[in-house]
N, C-alpha and C. Protein backbone atom coordinates (compact mmCIF):
# COMPACT_ATOMS: atom_id res chain seq x y z
N MET A 1 0.78 -1.20 -0.17
CA MET A 1 -0.02 0.04 0.11
C MET A 1 0.84 1.45 0.02
N THR A 2 0.70 2.36 -0.83
CA THR A 2 1.46 3.36 -1.06
C THR A 2 1.08 4.50 0.19
N ALA A 3 1.91 5.24 0.44
CA ALA A 3 1.78 6.29 1.43
C ALA A 3 0.46 7.10 1.18
N THR A 4 0.47 7.26 -0.11
CA THR A 4 -0.88 8.36 -0.54
C THR A 4 -2.25 7.40 -0.24
N GLU A 5 -2.19 6.23 -0.66
CA GLU A 5 -3.44 5.23 -0.25
C GLU A 5 -3.60 5.39 1.35
N THR A 6 -2.44 5.18 2.06
CA THR A 6 -2.75 5.12 3.34
C THR A 6 -3.33 6.40 3.98
N ARG A 7 -2.81 7.61 3.55
CA ARG A 7 -3.27 8.94 3.89
C ARG A 7 -4.90 8.95 3.66
N GLU A 8 -5.07 8.60 2.55
CA GLU A 8 -6.62 8.65 1.94
C GLU A 8 -7.61 7.79 2.96
N ILE A 9 -7.06 6.53 3.19
CA ILE A 9 -7.63 5.75 4.25
C ILE A 9 -8.00 6.44 5.52
N VAL A 10 -6.88 6.89 6.01
CA VAL A 10 -6.95 7.74 7.39
C VAL A 10 -7.86 8.81 7.42
N THR A 11 -7.66 9.71 6.32
CA THR A 11 -8.63 10.82 6.06
C THR A 11 -10.17 10.35 6.02
N ALA A 12 -10.49 9.20 5.23
CA ALA A 12 -11.69 8.76 5.03
C ALA A 12 -12.13 8.12 6.33
N ALA A 13 -11.52 7.51 7.11
CA ALA A 13 -12.12 6.98 8.36
C ALA A 13 -12.25 8.30 9.47
N SER A 14 -11.35 9.11 9.35
CA SER A 14 -11.63 10.38 10.28
C SER A 14 -12.80 10.89 9.85
N ALA A 15 -12.99 11.28 8.53
CA ALA A 15 -14.28 11.89 8.13
C ALA A 15 -15.66 11.04 8.47
N ARG A 16 -15.41 9.73 8.35
CA ARG A 16 -16.57 8.94 8.79
C ARG A 16 -16.98 9.10 10.38
N LEU A 17 -16.00 9.14 11.07
CA LEU A 17 -16.20 9.26 12.80
C LEU A 17 -16.62 10.63 12.99
N ALA A 18 -16.19 11.84 12.26
CA ALA A 18 -16.49 13.15 12.41
C ALA A 18 -17.91 13.34 12.09
N SER A 19 -18.38 12.67 11.07
CA SER A 19 -19.78 12.94 10.44
C SER A 19 -20.81 11.91 11.10
N SER A 20 -20.16 11.31 12.13
CA SER A 20 -21.32 10.19 12.60
C SER A 20 -22.41 10.92 13.41
N SER A 21 -23.66 10.02 13.22
CA SER A 21 -24.79 10.61 14.03
C SER A 21 -24.76 10.45 15.36
N VAL A 22 -23.83 9.77 15.85
CA VAL A 22 -23.48 9.50 17.25
C VAL A 22 -22.33 10.41 17.88
N PRO A 23 -22.76 11.26 18.68
CA PRO A 23 -21.84 12.25 19.11
C PRO A 23 -20.52 11.87 19.69
N GLU A 24 -20.63 10.82 20.44
CA GLU A 24 -19.52 10.14 21.11
C GLU A 24 -18.52 9.77 20.11
N LEU A 25 -18.64 9.59 18.95
CA LEU A 25 -17.46 9.28 17.98
C LEU A 25 -16.94 10.21 17.09
N ARG A 26 -17.46 11.54 17.37
CA ARG A 26 -17.12 12.70 16.62
C ARG A 26 -15.62 13.12 16.97
N SER A 27 -15.32 13.14 18.39
CA SER A 27 -14.24 13.59 18.68
C SER A 27 -12.89 12.40 18.74
N LEU A 28 -13.14 11.27 18.11
CA LEU A 28 -12.04 10.21 17.99
C LEU A 28 -11.23 10.49 17.20
N ARG A 29 -9.91 9.95 17.33
CA ARG A 29 -8.83 10.20 16.49
C ARG A 29 -8.48 9.03 15.78
N VAL A 30 -7.95 9.12 14.40
CA VAL A 30 -7.40 8.08 13.69
C VAL A 30 -5.92 8.34 13.23
N ASP A 31 -5.00 7.40 13.57
CA ASP A 31 -3.80 7.41 13.12
C ASP A 31 -3.35 6.02 12.54
N GLU A 32 -2.18 6.02 11.73
CA GLU A 32 -1.74 4.96 10.94
C GLU A 32 -0.39 4.64 11.46
N GLN A 33 -0.04 3.51 11.64
CA GLN A 33 1.29 2.92 12.07
C GLN A 33 1.49 1.36 11.66
N SER A 34 2.30 1.09 10.78
CA SER A 34 2.90 -0.10 10.63
C SER A 34 1.51 -0.91 9.95
N ASN A 35 1.03 -0.28 9.10
CA ASN A 35 -0.30 -1.05 8.36
C ASN A 35 -1.25 -1.26 9.35
N GLU A 36 -1.34 -0.45 10.31
CA GLU A 36 -2.48 -0.59 11.32
C GLU A 36 -3.43 0.76 11.23
N LEU A 37 -4.57 0.61 11.31
CA LEU A 37 -5.36 1.89 11.53
C LEU A 37 -5.92 2.00 12.85
N GLN A 38 -5.25 3.00 13.51
CA GLN A 38 -5.44 2.90 14.95
C GLN A 38 -6.59 3.98 15.54
N LEU A 39 -7.51 3.67 16.36
CA LEU A 39 -8.45 4.63 16.87
C LEU A 39 -8.11 4.92 18.34
N TYR A 40 -8.14 6.16 18.57
CA TYR A 40 -7.81 6.92 19.89
C TYR A 40 -8.86 7.82 20.31
N GLY A 41 -9.12 8.07 21.62
CA GLY A 41 -9.91 8.72 22.15
C GLY A 41 -10.76 8.11 23.51
N ASP A 42 -11.66 8.82 24.06
CA ASP A 42 -12.47 8.31 25.18
C ASP A 42 -14.17 8.39 24.66
N VAL A 43 -14.64 7.33 25.13
CA VAL A 43 -16.07 7.24 24.92
C VAL A 43 -16.76 6.71 26.26
N ARG A 44 -17.98 6.75 26.43
CA ARG A 44 -18.74 6.32 27.82
C ARG A 44 -19.05 4.96 27.95
N SER A 45 -19.03 4.19 26.77
CA SER A 45 -19.38 2.87 26.83
C SER A 45 -18.76 1.93 25.79
N TYR A 46 -18.73 0.84 26.27
CA TYR A 46 -18.17 -0.34 25.35
C TYR A 46 -19.07 -0.56 24.00
N TYR A 47 -20.28 -0.22 24.15
CA TYR A 47 -21.10 0.04 22.82
C TYR A 47 -20.54 0.98 21.84
N HIS A 48 -20.18 2.18 22.39
CA HIS A 48 -19.82 3.40 21.45
C HIS A 48 -18.32 3.02 20.92
N LYS A 49 -17.48 2.22 21.75
CA LYS A 49 -16.09 1.79 21.35
C LYS A 49 -16.49 0.78 20.18
N GLN A 50 -17.37 0.01 20.31
CA GLN A 50 -17.63 -1.16 19.11
C GLN A 50 -18.08 -0.27 17.75
N LEU A 51 -19.13 0.73 18.16
CA LEU A 51 -19.43 1.36 16.90
C LEU A 51 -18.35 1.86 16.17
N ALA A 52 -17.40 2.69 16.97
CA ALA A 52 -16.19 3.42 16.27
C ALA A 52 -15.59 2.27 15.37
N GLN A 53 -15.45 1.14 15.87
CA GLN A 53 -14.37 0.18 15.22
C GLN A 53 -15.32 -0.26 13.94
N GLU A 54 -16.66 -0.58 14.20
CA GLU A 54 -17.45 -0.88 12.90
C GLU A 54 -17.54 0.32 11.88
N ALA A 55 -17.43 1.36 12.20
CA ALA A 55 -17.55 2.50 11.23
C ALA A 55 -16.52 2.39 10.31
N VAL A 56 -15.24 2.12 10.87
CA VAL A 56 -14.09 2.38 10.10
C VAL A 56 -13.95 1.17 9.37
N LEU A 57 -14.17 0.06 9.80
CA LEU A 57 -13.80 -1.35 9.18
C LEU A 57 -14.10 -1.46 7.95
N PRO A 58 -15.12 -0.93 7.26
CA PRO A 58 -15.41 -0.90 5.67
C PRO A 58 -14.27 -0.16 4.91
N ILE A 59 -13.63 0.82 5.71
CA ILE A 59 -12.75 1.75 5.04
C ILE A 59 -11.40 1.26 5.15
N ALA A 60 -11.04 0.40 6.06
CA ALA A 60 -9.73 0.14 6.35
C ALA A 60 -9.21 -0.60 5.31
N GLY A 61 -9.80 -1.66 4.51
CA GLY A 61 -9.38 -2.22 3.45
C GLY A 61 -8.34 -3.38 3.94
N THR A 62 -7.18 -3.22 3.42
CA THR A 62 -6.20 -4.47 4.12
C THR A 62 -5.41 -4.05 5.41
N MET A 63 -5.84 -2.77 5.81
CA MET A 63 -5.15 -2.37 7.07
C MET A 63 -5.87 -3.07 8.16
N GLN A 64 -5.19 -3.49 9.25
CA GLN A 64 -5.59 -3.86 10.54
C GLN A 64 -6.25 -2.82 11.23
N VAL A 65 -7.36 -2.89 11.91
CA VAL A 65 -8.07 -1.83 12.70
C VAL A 65 -7.70 -2.31 14.10
N VAL A 66 -6.99 -1.20 14.90
CA VAL A 66 -6.65 -1.50 16.46
C VAL A 66 -7.41 -0.55 17.13
N ASN A 67 -8.26 -0.84 17.88
CA ASN A 67 -9.13 0.08 18.57
C ASN A 67 -8.46 0.30 20.24
N ARG A 68 -8.01 1.45 20.29
CA ARG A 68 -7.36 1.90 21.34
C ARG A 68 -8.04 2.98 22.22
N VAL A 69 -9.46 2.90 22.00
CA VAL A 69 -10.33 3.94 22.63
C VAL A 69 -10.53 3.38 23.89
N ALA A 70 -10.49 4.41 24.57
CA ALA A 70 -10.74 4.29 26.29
C ALA A 70 -11.98 4.41 26.81
N VAL A 71 -12.67 3.47 27.48
CA VAL A 71 -14.00 3.54 27.88
C VAL A 71 -14.10 4.18 29.26
N ARG A 72 -14.57 5.29 29.33
CA ARG A 72 -14.54 6.33 30.61
C ARG A 72 -16.08 6.39 31.08
N GLY A 73 -16.58 5.67 31.79
CA GLY A 73 -17.98 5.91 32.06
C GLY A 73 -18.22 5.48 33.50
């Protein structure tokens, strides 16, 4: 995967979360490292953590999604 493709995936995943109908997901961050799409931030429930992961999964392509979102509830 090229650097440009990786940036496009990170940008698309960030946009998906930022435009979510679920306010909890809008402030989460997306980064890339070693072919991993990493999610960061805080949410109030494990349900929201899972929603974030499922929202970016279709965008990730061949990248592995690593959910580092913390539940603070």
